[in-house]
Full PDB file with SEQRES, HELIX, SHEET, SSBOND, CRYST1, ORIGX, SCALE, CONECT and MASTER records, all heavy atoms in Angstrom:
SEQRES   1 A   43  ALA ILE GLY THR ALA ASN PRO PRO HIS LYS ILE PRO GLN          
SEQRES   2 A   43  MET GLN VAL ALA ASP PHE MET ALA ALA ALA LEU GLN MET          
SEQRES   3 A   43  ASN GLU PRO ASP THR ARG LYS LEU LYS ALA LEU TYR ARG          
SEQRES   4 A   43  VAL SER GLY ILE                                              
HELIX    1 AA1 GLN A   13  ALA A   23  1                                  11    
HELIX    2 AA2 GLU A   28  ARG A   39  1                                  12    
CRYST1    1.000    1.000    1.000  90.00  90.00  90.00 P 1           1          
ORIGX1      1.000000  0.000000  0.000000        0.00000                         
ORIGX2      0.000000  1.000000  0.000000        0.00000                         
ORIGX3      0.000000  0.000000  1.000000        0.00000                         
SCALE1      1.000000  0.000000  0.000000        0.00000                         
SCALE2      0.000000  1.000000  0.000000        0.00000                         
SCALE3      0.000000  0.000000  1.000000        0.00000                         
ATOM      1  N   ALA A   1      91.565 143.517 157.473  1.00  0.00           N  
ATOM      2  CA  ALA A   1      91.972 144.611 158.297  1.00  0.00           C  
ATOM      3  C   ALA A   1      93.338 144.405 158.603  1.00  0.00           C  
ATOM      4  O   ALA A   1      93.937 143.242 158.730  1.00  0.00           O  
ATOM      5  CB  ALA A   1      91.122 144.739 159.708  1.00  0.00           C  
ATOM      6  N   ILE A   2      94.079 145.517 158.893  1.00  0.00           N  
ATOM      7  CA  ILE A   2      95.430 145.509 159.251  1.00  0.00           C  
ATOM      8  C   ILE A   2      95.671 146.328 160.518  1.00  0.00           C  
ATOM      9  O   ILE A   2      95.134 147.517 160.540  1.00  0.00           O  
ATOM     10  CB  ILE A   2      96.452 146.012 158.124  1.00  0.00           C  
ATOM     11  CG1 ILE A   2      96.248 145.186 156.952  1.00  0.00           C  
ATOM     12  CG2 ILE A   2      97.859 146.029 158.631  1.00  0.00           C  
ATOM     13  CD1 ILE A   2      97.062 145.746 155.743  1.00  0.00           C  
ATOM     14  N   GLY A   3      96.320 145.882 161.492  1.00  0.00           N  
ATOM     15  CA  GLY A   3      96.673 146.723 162.656  1.00  0.00           C  
ATOM     16  C   GLY A   3      98.238 146.768 162.906  1.00  0.00           C  
ATOM     17  O   GLY A   3      98.951 145.709 162.591  1.00  0.00           O  
ATOM     18  N   THR A   4      98.799 147.845 163.230  1.00  0.00           N  
ATOM     19  CA  THR A   4     100.198 147.892 163.393  1.00  0.00           C  
ATOM     20  C   THR A   4     100.622 148.433 164.812  1.00  0.00           C  
ATOM     21  O   THR A   4      99.654 148.915 165.641  1.00  0.00           O  
ATOM     22  CB  THR A   4     100.765 149.010 162.419  1.00  0.00           C  
ATOM     23  OG1 THR A   4     100.330 150.239 162.556  1.00  0.00           O  
ATOM     24  CG2 THR A   4     100.492 148.539 160.940  1.00  0.00           C  
ATOM     25  N   ALA A   5     101.885 148.284 165.125  1.00  0.00           N  
ATOM     26  CA  ALA A   5     102.390 148.701 166.417  1.00  0.00           C  
ATOM     27  C   ALA A   5     103.807 148.918 166.379  1.00  0.00           C  
ATOM     28  O   ALA A   5     104.607 148.300 165.598  1.00  0.00           O  
ATOM     29  CB  ALA A   5     102.116 147.596 167.537  1.00  0.00           C  
ATOM     30  N   ASN A   6     104.327 149.816 167.202  1.00  0.00           N  
ATOM     31  CA  ASN A   6     105.768 150.161 167.223  1.00  0.00           C  
ATOM     32  C   ASN A   6     106.227 150.309 168.644  1.00  0.00           C  
ATOM     33  O   ASN A   6     105.341 150.798 169.576  1.00  0.00           O  
ATOM     34  CB  ASN A   6     106.140 151.473 166.433  1.00  0.00           C  
ATOM     35  CG  ASN A   6     105.757 151.359 165.014  1.00  0.00           C  
ATOM     36  OD1 ASN A   6     104.840 151.687 164.490  1.00  0.00           O  
ATOM     37  ND2 ASN A   6     106.819 150.801 164.264  1.00  0.00           N  
ATOM     38  N   PRO A   7     107.408 150.082 169.015  1.00  0.00           N  
ATOM     39  CA  PRO A   7     107.945 150.299 170.396  1.00  0.00           C  
ATOM     40  C   PRO A   7     107.919 151.771 170.675  1.00  0.00           C  
ATOM     41  O   PRO A   7     107.781 152.629 169.798  1.00  0.00           O  
ATOM     42  CB  PRO A   7     109.303 149.743 170.350  1.00  0.00           C  
ATOM     43  CG  PRO A   7     109.681 149.643 169.034  1.00  0.00           C  
ATOM     44  CD  PRO A   7     108.471 149.456 168.132  1.00  0.00           C  
ATOM     45  N   PRO A   8     108.076 152.204 171.947  1.00  0.00           N  
ATOM     46  CA  PRO A   8     107.896 153.671 172.280  1.00  0.00           C  
ATOM     47  C   PRO A   8     109.052 154.528 171.938  1.00  0.00           C  
ATOM     48  O   PRO A   8     108.798 155.786 171.822  1.00  0.00           O  
ATOM     49  CB  PRO A   8     107.837 153.522 173.770  1.00  0.00           C  
ATOM     50  CG  PRO A   8     108.557 152.312 174.219  1.00  0.00           C  
ATOM     51  CD  PRO A   8     108.269 151.282 173.194  1.00  0.00           C  
ATOM     52  N   HIS A   9     110.173 153.988 171.626  1.00  0.00           N  
ATOM     53  CA  HIS A   9     111.350 154.952 171.540  1.00  0.00           C  
ATOM     54  C   HIS A   9     111.445 155.301 169.931  1.00  0.00           C  
ATOM     55  O   HIS A   9     111.893 154.513 169.186  1.00  0.00           O  
ATOM     56  CB  HIS A   9     112.646 154.209 171.962  1.00  0.00           C  
ATOM     57  CG  HIS A   9     112.512 153.737 173.337  1.00  0.00           C  
ATOM     58  ND1 HIS A   9     112.247 154.565 174.398  1.00  0.00           N  
ATOM     59  CD2 HIS A   9     112.692 152.488 173.852  1.00  0.00           C  
ATOM     60  CE1 HIS A   9     112.191 153.842 175.482  1.00  0.00           C  
ATOM     61  NE2 HIS A   9     112.506 152.617 175.192  1.00  0.00           N  
ATOM     62  N   LYS A  10     111.034 156.617 169.749  1.00  0.00           N  
ATOM     63  CA  LYS A  10     111.143 157.130 168.302  1.00  0.00           C  
ATOM     64  C   LYS A  10     112.444 157.894 168.240  1.00  0.00           C  
ATOM     65  O   LYS A  10     112.690 158.846 168.981  1.00  0.00           O  
ATOM     66  CB  LYS A  10     110.000 158.111 168.075  1.00  0.00           C  
ATOM     67  CG  LYS A  10     109.956 158.652 166.759  1.00  0.00           C  
ATOM     68  CD  LYS A  10     108.691 159.344 166.381  1.00  0.00           C  
ATOM     69  CE  LYS A  10     108.522 160.711 167.238  1.00  0.00           C  
ATOM     70  NZ  LYS A  10     107.297 161.427 166.768  1.00  0.00           N  
ATOM     71  N   ILE A  11     113.311 157.528 167.309  1.00  0.00           N  
ATOM     72  CA  ILE A  11     114.593 158.001 167.106  1.00  0.00           C  
ATOM     73  C   ILE A  11     114.873 158.751 165.878  1.00  0.00           C  
ATOM     74  O   ILE A  11     114.612 158.121 164.741  1.00  0.00           O  
ATOM     75  CB  ILE A  11     115.665 156.889 167.329  1.00  0.00           C  
ATOM     76  CG1 ILE A  11     115.295 155.964 168.614  1.00  0.00           C  
ATOM     77  CG2 ILE A  11     117.086 157.468 167.318  1.00  0.00           C  
ATOM     78  CD1 ILE A  11     116.075 154.723 168.659  1.00  0.00           C  
ATOM     79  N   PRO A  12     115.143 160.024 165.840  1.00  0.00           N  
ATOM     80  CA  PRO A  12     115.366 160.752 164.567  1.00  0.00           C  
ATOM     81  C   PRO A  12     116.563 160.109 163.992  1.00  0.00           C  
ATOM     82  O   PRO A  12     117.633 159.639 164.616  1.00  0.00           O  
ATOM     83  CB  PRO A  12     115.740 162.188 165.091  1.00  0.00           C  
ATOM     84  CG  PRO A  12     115.128 162.321 166.418  1.00  0.00           C  
ATOM     85  CD  PRO A  12     115.116 160.920 166.973  1.00  0.00           C  
ATOM     86  N   GLN A  13     116.529 160.058 162.552  1.00  0.00           N  
ATOM     87  CA  GLN A  13     117.563 159.250 161.789  1.00  0.00           C  
ATOM     88  C   GLN A  13     118.948 159.945 162.078  1.00  0.00           C  
ATOM     89  O   GLN A  13     119.916 159.126 162.099  1.00  0.00           O  
ATOM     90  CB  GLN A  13     117.192 159.446 160.305  1.00  0.00           C  
ATOM     91  CG  GLN A  13     118.208 158.770 159.337  1.00  0.00           C  
ATOM     92  CD  GLN A  13     118.092 157.197 159.343  1.00  0.00           C  
ATOM     93  OE1 GLN A  13     117.780 156.625 160.271  1.00  0.00           O  
ATOM     94  NE2 GLN A  13     118.456 156.615 158.243  1.00  0.00           N  
ATOM     95  N   MET A  14     119.088 161.168 162.100  1.00  0.00           N  
ATOM     96  CA  MET A  14     120.466 161.723 162.334  1.00  0.00           C  
ATOM     97  C   MET A  14     120.969 161.482 163.726  1.00  0.00           C  
ATOM     98  O   MET A  14     122.176 161.419 163.944  1.00  0.00           O  
ATOM     99  CB  MET A  14     120.473 163.247 161.983  1.00  0.00           C  
ATOM    100  CG  MET A  14     120.062 163.543 160.575  1.00  0.00           C  
ATOM    101  SD  MET A  14     120.976 162.453 159.338  1.00  0.00           S  
ATOM    102  CE  MET A  14     122.695 162.872 159.636  1.00  0.00           C  
ATOM    103  N   GLN A  15     120.048 161.212 164.693  1.00  0.00           N  
ATOM    104  CA  GLN A  15     120.526 160.892 165.960  1.00  0.00           C  
ATOM    105  C   GLN A  15     121.151 159.447 165.974  1.00  0.00           C  
ATOM    106  O   GLN A  15     122.085 159.167 166.696  1.00  0.00           O  
ATOM    107  CB  GLN A  15     119.520 160.909 167.071  1.00  0.00           C  
ATOM    108  CG  GLN A  15     119.791 160.812 168.456  1.00  0.00           C  
ATOM    109  CD  GLN A  15     118.711 161.209 169.517  1.00  0.00           C  
ATOM    110  OE1 GLN A  15     117.694 161.652 169.085  1.00  0.00           O  
ATOM    111  NE2 GLN A  15     118.983 161.012 170.688  1.00  0.00           N  
ATOM    112  N   VAL A  16     120.487 158.492 165.174  1.00  0.00           N  
ATOM    113  CA  VAL A  16     121.199 157.158 164.955  1.00  0.00           C  
ATOM    114  C   VAL A  16     122.497 157.380 164.336  1.00  0.00           C  
ATOM    115  O   VAL A  16     123.434 156.535 164.693  1.00  0.00           O  
ATOM    116  CB  VAL A  16     120.177 156.351 164.083  1.00  0.00           C  
ATOM    117  CG1 VAL A  16     120.780 154.885 164.032  1.00  0.00           C  
ATOM    118  CG2 VAL A  16     118.704 156.220 164.592  1.00  0.00           C  
ATOM    119  N   ALA A  17     122.649 158.253 163.475  1.00  0.00           N  
ATOM    120  CA  ALA A  17     123.908 158.353 162.697  1.00  0.00           C  
ATOM    121  C   ALA A  17     125.002 158.771 163.804  1.00  0.00           C  
ATOM    122  O   ALA A  17     126.090 158.338 163.770  1.00  0.00           O  
ATOM    123  CB  ALA A  17     123.797 159.499 161.743  1.00  0.00           C  
ATOM    124  N   ASP A  18     124.672 159.661 164.666  1.00  0.00           N  
ATOM    125  CA  ASP A  18     125.598 160.101 165.752  1.00  0.00           C  
ATOM    126  C   ASP A  18     125.996 158.911 166.562  1.00  0.00           C  
ATOM    127  O   ASP A  18     127.192 158.699 166.939  1.00  0.00           O  
ATOM    128  CB  ASP A  18     124.938 161.170 166.640  1.00  0.00           C  
ATOM    129  CG  ASP A  18     124.769 162.493 165.917  1.00  0.00           C  
ATOM    130  OD1 ASP A  18     125.589 162.751 164.953  1.00  0.00           O  
ATOM    131  OD2 ASP A  18     123.850 163.189 166.315  1.00  0.00           O  
ATOM    132  N   PHE A  19     125.005 158.097 166.990  1.00  0.00           N  
ATOM    133  CA  PHE A  19     125.309 156.855 167.711  1.00  0.00           C  
ATOM    134  C   PHE A  19     126.282 155.901 166.968  1.00  0.00           C  
ATOM    135  O   PHE A  19     127.269 155.417 167.489  1.00  0.00           O  
ATOM    136  CB  PHE A  19     124.005 156.099 168.119  1.00  0.00           C  
ATOM    137  CG  PHE A  19     124.189 154.706 168.765  1.00  0.00           C  
ATOM    138  CD1 PHE A  19     124.254 154.672 170.099  1.00  0.00           C  
ATOM    139  CD2 PHE A  19     124.307 153.516 168.039  1.00  0.00           C  
ATOM    140  CE1 PHE A  19     124.538 153.413 170.731  1.00  0.00           C  
ATOM    141  CE2 PHE A  19     124.629 152.333 168.655  1.00  0.00           C  
ATOM    142  CZ  PHE A  19     124.692 152.266 169.934  1.00  0.00           C  
ATOM    143  N   MET A  20     125.907 155.672 165.745  1.00  0.00           N  
ATOM    144  CA  MET A  20     126.772 154.765 164.917  1.00  0.00           C  
ATOM    145  C   MET A  20     128.289 155.261 164.691  1.00  0.00           C  
ATOM    146  O   MET A  20     129.172 154.579 164.849  1.00  0.00           O  
ATOM    147  CB  MET A  20     126.137 154.558 163.530  1.00  0.00           C  
ATOM    148  CG  MET A  20     124.793 153.851 163.565  1.00  0.00           C  
ATOM    149  SD  MET A  20     124.904 152.174 164.234  1.00  0.00           S  
ATOM    150  CE  MET A  20     123.116 151.807 164.428  1.00  0.00           C  
ATOM    151  N   ALA A  21     128.283 156.582 164.496  1.00  0.00           N  
ATOM    152  CA  ALA A  21     129.682 157.150 164.351  1.00  0.00           C  
ATOM    153  C   ALA A  21     130.446 156.939 165.600  1.00  0.00           C  
ATOM    154  O   ALA A  21     131.699 156.740 165.540  1.00  0.00           O  
ATOM    155  CB  ALA A  21     129.585 158.666 163.939  1.00  0.00           C  
ATOM    156  N   ALA A  22     129.863 157.264 166.719  1.00  0.00           N  
ATOM    157  CA  ALA A  22     130.594 157.065 168.018  1.00  0.00           C  
ATOM    158  C   ALA A  22     130.857 155.531 168.257  1.00  0.00           C  
ATOM    159  O   ALA A  22     131.964 155.342 168.684  1.00  0.00           O  
ATOM    160  CB  ALA A  22     129.643 157.602 169.152  1.00  0.00           C  
ATOM    161  N   ALA A  23     129.931 154.713 168.022  1.00  0.00           N  
ATOM    162  CA  ALA A  23     130.114 153.353 168.164  1.00  0.00           C  
ATOM    163  C   ALA A  23     131.270 152.740 167.441  1.00  0.00           C  
ATOM    164  O   ALA A  23     131.996 151.919 167.866  1.00  0.00           O  
ATOM    165  CB  ALA A  23     128.822 152.535 167.936  1.00  0.00           C  
ATOM    166  N   LEU A  24     131.322 153.247 166.154  1.00  0.00           N  
ATOM    167  CA  LEU A  24     132.393 152.761 165.204  1.00  0.00           C  
ATOM    168  C   LEU A  24     133.764 153.579 165.449  1.00  0.00           C  
ATOM    169  O   LEU A  24     134.701 153.230 164.737  1.00  0.00           O  
ATOM    170  CB  LEU A  24     131.887 152.914 163.744  1.00  0.00           C  
ATOM    171  CG  LEU A  24     130.737 151.960 163.444  1.00  0.00           C  
ATOM    172  CD1 LEU A  24     130.046 152.384 162.154  1.00  0.00           C  
ATOM    173  CD2 LEU A  24     131.215 150.439 163.412  1.00  0.00           C  
ATOM    174  N   GLN A  25     133.711 154.499 166.358  1.00  0.00           N  
ATOM    175  CA  GLN A  25     134.971 155.313 166.665  1.00  0.00           C  
ATOM    176  C   GLN A  25     135.490 155.914 165.351  1.00  0.00           C  
ATOM    177  O   GLN A  25     136.655 155.824 165.036  1.00  0.00           O  
ATOM    178  CB  GLN A  25     135.934 154.552 167.337  1.00  0.00           C  
ATOM    179  CG  GLN A  25     135.388 154.000 168.715  1.00  0.00           C  
ATOM    180  CD  GLN A  25     136.470 153.172 169.507  1.00  0.00           C  
ATOM    181  OE1 GLN A  25     136.920 152.046 169.065  1.00  0.00           O  
ATOM    182  NE2 GLN A  25     137.029 153.728 170.540  1.00  0.00           N  
ATOM    183  N   MET A  26     134.651 156.558 164.587  1.00  0.00           N  
ATOM    184  CA  MET A  26     134.937 156.988 163.232  1.00  0.00           C  
ATOM    185  C   MET A  26     135.625 158.331 163.439  1.00  0.00           C  
ATOM    186  O   MET A  26     135.463 159.315 164.319  1.00  0.00           O  
ATOM    187  CB  MET A  26     133.680 157.232 162.459  1.00  0.00           C  
ATOM    188  CG  MET A  26     133.081 156.059 161.827  1.00  0.00           C  
ATOM    189  SD  MET A  26     131.682 156.431 160.845  1.00  0.00           S  
ATOM    190  CE  MET A  26     131.524 154.944 159.961  1.00  0.00           C  
ATOM    191  N   ASN A  27     136.600 158.635 162.482  1.00  0.00           N  
ATOM    192  CA  ASN A  27     137.247 159.933 162.364  1.00  0.00           C  
ATOM    193  C   ASN A  27     136.307 160.970 161.729  1.00  0.00           C  
ATOM    194  O   ASN A  27     135.205 160.588 161.195  1.00  0.00           O  
ATOM    195  CB  ASN A  27     138.581 159.865 161.637  1.00  0.00           C  
ATOM    196  CG  ASN A  27     138.515 159.307 160.240  1.00  0.00           C  
ATOM    197  OD1 ASN A  27     137.449 159.507 159.556  1.00  0.00           O  
ATOM    198  ND2 ASN A  27     139.502 158.693 159.817  1.00  0.00           N  
ATOM    199  N   GLU A  28     136.685 162.229 161.537  1.00  0.00           N  
ATOM    200  CA  GLU A  28     135.775 163.139 161.186  1.00  0.00           C  
ATOM    201  C   GLU A  28     135.402 162.976 159.754  1.00  0.00           C  
ATOM    202  O   GLU A  28     134.121 163.194 159.318  1.00  0.00           O  
ATOM    203  CB  GLU A  28     136.484 164.607 161.288  1.00  0.00           C  
ATOM    204  CG  GLU A  28     135.456 165.781 160.973  1.00  0.00           C  
ATOM    205  CD  GLU A  28     135.978 167.067 161.339  1.00  0.00           C  
ATOM    206  OE1 GLU A  28     136.995 167.113 162.058  1.00  0.00           O  
ATOM    207  OE2 GLU A  28     135.575 168.115 160.678  1.00  0.00           O  
ATOM    208  N   PRO A  29     136.321 162.669 158.817  1.00  0.00           N  
ATOM    209  CA  PRO A  29     135.932 162.454 157.331  1.00  0.00           C  
ATOM    210  C   PRO A  29     134.964 161.265 157.198  1.00  0.00           C  
ATOM    211  O   PRO A  29     133.881 161.346 156.421  1.00  0.00           O  
ATOM    212  CB  PRO A  29     137.160 162.188 156.629  1.00  0.00           C  
ATOM    213  CG  PRO A  29     138.321 162.840 157.465  1.00  0.00           C  
ATOM    214  CD  PRO A  29     137.853 162.699 158.925  1.00  0.00           C  
ATOM    215  N   ASP A  30     135.217 160.173 157.927  1.00  0.00           N  
ATOM    216  CA  ASP A  30     134.276 159.091 157.878  1.00  0.00           C  
ATOM    217  C   ASP A  30     132.949 159.376 158.448  1.00  0.00           C  
ATOM    218  O   ASP A  30     131.909 158.858 157.956  1.00  0.00           O  
ATOM    219  CB  ASP A  30     134.849 157.837 158.491  1.00  0.00           C  
ATOM    220  CG  ASP A  30     135.986 157.161 157.761  1.00  0.00           C  
ATOM    221  OD1 ASP A  30     136.057 157.389 156.413  1.00  0.00           O  
ATOM    222  OD2 ASP A  30     136.805 156.564 158.324  1.00  0.00           O  
ATOM    223  N   THR A  31     132.895 160.125 159.537  1.00  0.00           N  
ATOM    224  CA  THR A  31     131.629 160.526 160.001  1.00  0.00           C  
ATOM    225  C   THR A  31     130.797 161.460 159.139  1.00  0.00           C  
ATOM    226  O   THR A  31     129.510 161.163 158.992  1.00  0.00           O  
ATOM    227  CB  THR A  31     131.938 161.343 161.371  1.00  0.00           C  
ATOM    228  OG1 THR A  31     132.600 160.472 162.328  1.00  0.00           O  
ATOM    229  CG2 THR A  31     130.578 161.895 162.010  1.00  0.00           C  
ATOM    230  N   ARG A  32     131.474 162.292 158.337  1.00  0.00           N  
ATOM    231  CA  ARG A  32     130.764 163.144 157.357  1.00  0.00           C  
ATOM    232  C   ARG A  32     130.096 162.196 156.329  1.00  0.00           C  
ATOM    233  O   ARG A  32     128.992 162.467 155.890  1.00  0.00           O  
ATOM    234  CB  ARG A  32     131.716 164.098 156.768  1.00  0.00           C  
ATOM    235  CG  ARG A  32     131.924 165.348 157.597  1.00  0.00           C  
ATOM    236  CD  ARG A  32     132.563 166.524 156.861  1.00  0.00           C  
ATOM    237  NE  ARG A  32     133.753 166.150 155.990  1.00  0.00           N  
ATOM    238  CZ  ARG A  32     134.973 166.260 156.522  1.00  0.00           C  
ATOM    239  NH1 ARG A  32     135.152 166.799 157.808  1.00  0.00           N  
ATOM    240  NH2 ARG A  32     136.049 165.947 155.837  1.00  0.00           N  
ATOM    241  N   LYS A  33     130.940 161.196 155.779  1.00  0.00           N  
ATOM    242  CA  LYS A  33     130.434 160.278 154.895  1.00  0.00           C  
ATOM    243  C   LYS A  33     129.241 159.428 155.354  1.00  0.00           C  
ATOM    244  O   LYS A  33     128.165 159.205 154.591  1.00  0.00           O  
ATOM    245  CB  LYS A  33     131.407 159.231 154.400  1.00  0.00           C  
ATOM    246  CG  LYS A  33     132.617 159.961 153.595  1.00  0.00           C  
ATOM    247  CD  LYS A  33     133.716 158.941 153.301  1.00  0.00           C  
ATOM    248  CE  LYS A  33     134.927 159.599 152.638  1.00  0.00           C  
ATOM    249  NZ  LYS A  33     135.976 158.688 152.363  1.00  0.00           N  
ATOM    250  N   LEU A  34     129.256 159.064 156.693  1.00  0.00           N  
ATOM    251  CA  LEU A  34     128.178 158.264 157.221  1.00  0.00           C  
ATOM    252  C   LEU A  34     126.924 159.199 157.339  1.00  0.00           C  
ATOM    253  O   LEU A  34     125.923 158.675 156.949  1.00  0.00           O  
ATOM    254  CB  LEU A  34     128.507 157.744 158.595  1.00  0.00           C  
ATOM    255  CG  LEU A  34     127.567 156.883 159.323  1.00  0.00           C  
ATOM    256  CD1 LEU A  34     127.549 155.515 158.725  1.00  0.00           C  
ATOM    257  CD2 LEU A  34     127.862 156.710 160.798  1.00  0.00           C  
ATOM    258  N   LYS A  35     127.110 160.340 157.722  1.00  0.00           N  
ATOM    259  CA  LYS A  35     125.937 161.177 157.900  1.00  0.00           C  
ATOM    260  C   LYS A  35     125.328 161.531 156.547  1.00  0.00           C  
ATOM    261  O   LYS A  35     124.035 161.703 156.412  1.00  0.00           O  
ATOM    262  CB  LYS A  35     126.336 162.484 158.666  1.00  0.00           C  
ATOM    263  CG  LYS A  35     126.566 162.253 160.139  1.00  0.00           C  
ATOM    264  CD  LYS A  35     126.773 163.543 160.893  1.00  0.00           C  
ATOM    265  CE  LYS A  35     126.994 163.165 162.317  1.00  0.00           C  
ATOM    266  NZ  LYS A  35     127.147 164.494 163.193  1.00  0.00           N  
ATOM    267  N   ALA A  36     126.150 161.631 155.541  1.00  0.00           N  
ATOM    268  CA  ALA A  36     125.660 161.826 154.123  1.00  0.00           C  
ATOM    269  C   ALA A  36     124.769 160.623 153.762  1.00  0.00           C  
ATOM    270  O   ALA A  36     123.641 160.761 153.213  1.00  0.00           O  
ATOM    271  CB  ALA A  36     126.696 162.070 153.161  1.00  0.00           C  
ATOM    272  N   LEU A  37     125.170 159.393 154.074  1.00  0.00           N  
ATOM    273  CA  LEU A  37     124.438 158.277 153.774  1.00  0.00           C  
ATOM    274  C   LEU A  37     123.012 158.295 154.455  1.00  0.00           C  
ATOM    275  O   LEU A  37     122.052 157.887 153.925  1.00  0.00           O  
ATOM    276  CB  LEU A  37     125.212 157.010 154.318  1.00  0.00           C  
ATOM    277  CG  LEU A  37     124.505 155.645 154.134  1.00  0.00           C  
ATOM    278  CD1 LEU A  37     124.194 155.317 152.848  1.00  0.00           C  
ATOM    279  CD2 LEU A  37     125.361 154.572 154.878  1.00  0.00           C  
ATOM    280  N   TYR A  38     123.051 158.666 155.686  1.00  0.00           N  
ATOM    281  CA  TYR A  38     121.845 158.742 156.491  1.00  0.00           C  
ATOM    282  C   TYR A  38     120.891 159.846 156.016  1.00  0.00           C  
ATOM    283  O   TYR A  38     119.610 159.678 155.975  1.00  0.00           O  
ATOM    284  CB  TYR A  38     122.106 158.966 158.068  1.00  0.00           C  
ATOM    285  CG  TYR A  38     122.487 157.739 158.688  1.00  0.00           C  
ATOM    286  CD1 TYR A  38     123.625 156.938 158.451  1.00  0.00           C  
ATOM    287  CD2 TYR A  38     121.658 157.278 159.699  1.00  0.00           C  
ATOM    288  CE1 TYR A  38     123.878 155.734 159.063  1.00  0.00           C  
ATOM    289  CE2 TYR A  38     121.995 156.057 160.411  1.00  0.00           C  
ATOM    290  CZ  TYR A  38     123.056 155.285 160.075  1.00  0.00           C  
ATOM    291  OH  TYR A  38     123.343 154.135 160.743  1.00  0.00           O  
ATOM    292  N   ARG A  39     121.347 160.931 155.643  1.00  0.00           N  
ATOM    293  CA  ARG A  39     120.526 162.027 155.069  1.00  0.00           C  
ATOM    294  C   ARG A  39     119.827 161.757 153.811  1.00  0.00           C  
ATOM    295  O   ARG A  39     118.736 162.103 153.600  1.00  0.00           O  
ATOM    296  CB  ARG A  39     121.500 163.329 154.785  1.00  0.00           C  
ATOM    297  CG  ARG A  39     121.659 164.133 156.047  1.00  0.00           C  
ATOM    298  CD  ARG A  39     122.195 165.520 155.661  1.00  0.00           C  
ATOM    299  NE  ARG A  39     123.510 165.427 155.241  1.00  0.00           N  
ATOM    300  CZ  ARG A  39     124.608 165.438 155.862  1.00  0.00           C  
ATOM    301  NH1 ARG A  39     124.628 165.598 157.144  1.00  0.00           N  
ATOM    302  NH2 ARG A  39     125.866 165.298 155.224  1.00  0.00           N  
ATOM    303  N   VAL A  40     120.434 160.882 152.872  1.00  0.00           N  
ATOM    304  CA  VAL A  40     119.828 160.556 151.611  1.00  0.00           C  
ATOM    305  C   VAL A  40     119.054 159.230 151.667  1.00  0.00           C  
ATOM    306  O   VAL A  40     118.514 158.739 150.712  1.00  0.00           O  
ATOM    307  CB  VAL A  40     120.892 160.477 150.472  1.00  0.00           C  
ATOM    308  CG1 VAL A  40     121.594 161.697 150.341  1.00  0.00           C  
ATOM    309  CG2 VAL A  40     121.918 159.231 150.668  1.00  0.00           C  
ATOM    310  N   SER A  41     118.932 158.686 152.842  1.00  0.00           N  
ATOM    311  CA  SER A  41     118.164 157.401 153.026  1.00  0.00           C  
ATOM    312  C   SER A  41     116.702 157.391 152.786  1.00  0.00           C  
ATOM    313  O   SER A  41     116.034 156.471 152.521  1.00  0.00           O  
ATOM    314  CB  SER A  41     118.457 156.873 154.453  1.00  0.00           C  
ATOM    315  OG  SER A  41     117.774 157.641 155.453  1.00  0.00           O  
ATOM    316  N   GLY A  42     116.112 158.601 152.837  1.00  0.00           N  
ATOM    317  CA  GLY A  42     114.683 158.716 152.809  1.00  0.00           C  
ATOM    318  C   GLY A  42     113.962 158.440 154.107  1.00  0.00           C  
ATOM    319  O   GLY A  42     112.720 158.377 154.108  1.00  0.00           O  
ATOM    320  N   ILE A  43     114.809 158.307 155.151  1.00  0.00           N  
ATOM    321  CA  ILE A  43     114.148 157.996 156.549  1.00  0.00           C  
ATOM    322  C   ILE A  43     114.284 159.184 157.379  1.00  0.00           C  
ATOM    323  O   ILE A  43     115.414 159.803 157.501  1.00  0.00           O  
ATOM    324  CB  ILE A  43     114.963 156.841 157.112  1.00  0.00           C  
ATOM    325  CG1 ILE A  43     114.718 155.464 156.243  1.00  0.00           C  
ATOM    326  CG2 ILE A  43     114.372 156.479 158.541  1.00  0.00           C  
ATOM    327  CD1 ILE A  43     115.622 154.345 156.624  1.00  0.00           C  
TER     328      ILE A  43                                                      
MASTER        0    0    0    2    0    0    0    6  327    1    0    4          
END                                                                             
């Protein structure tokens, strides 16, 4: 048998992208590239 568990905070992938762009203080072109990476991640 296998049992699984996850912590309570479920975070949409693109919301993580927003956090990362802000944390890295990215400009608009780099933010677009980062969000493209997150969109094609399969997550």
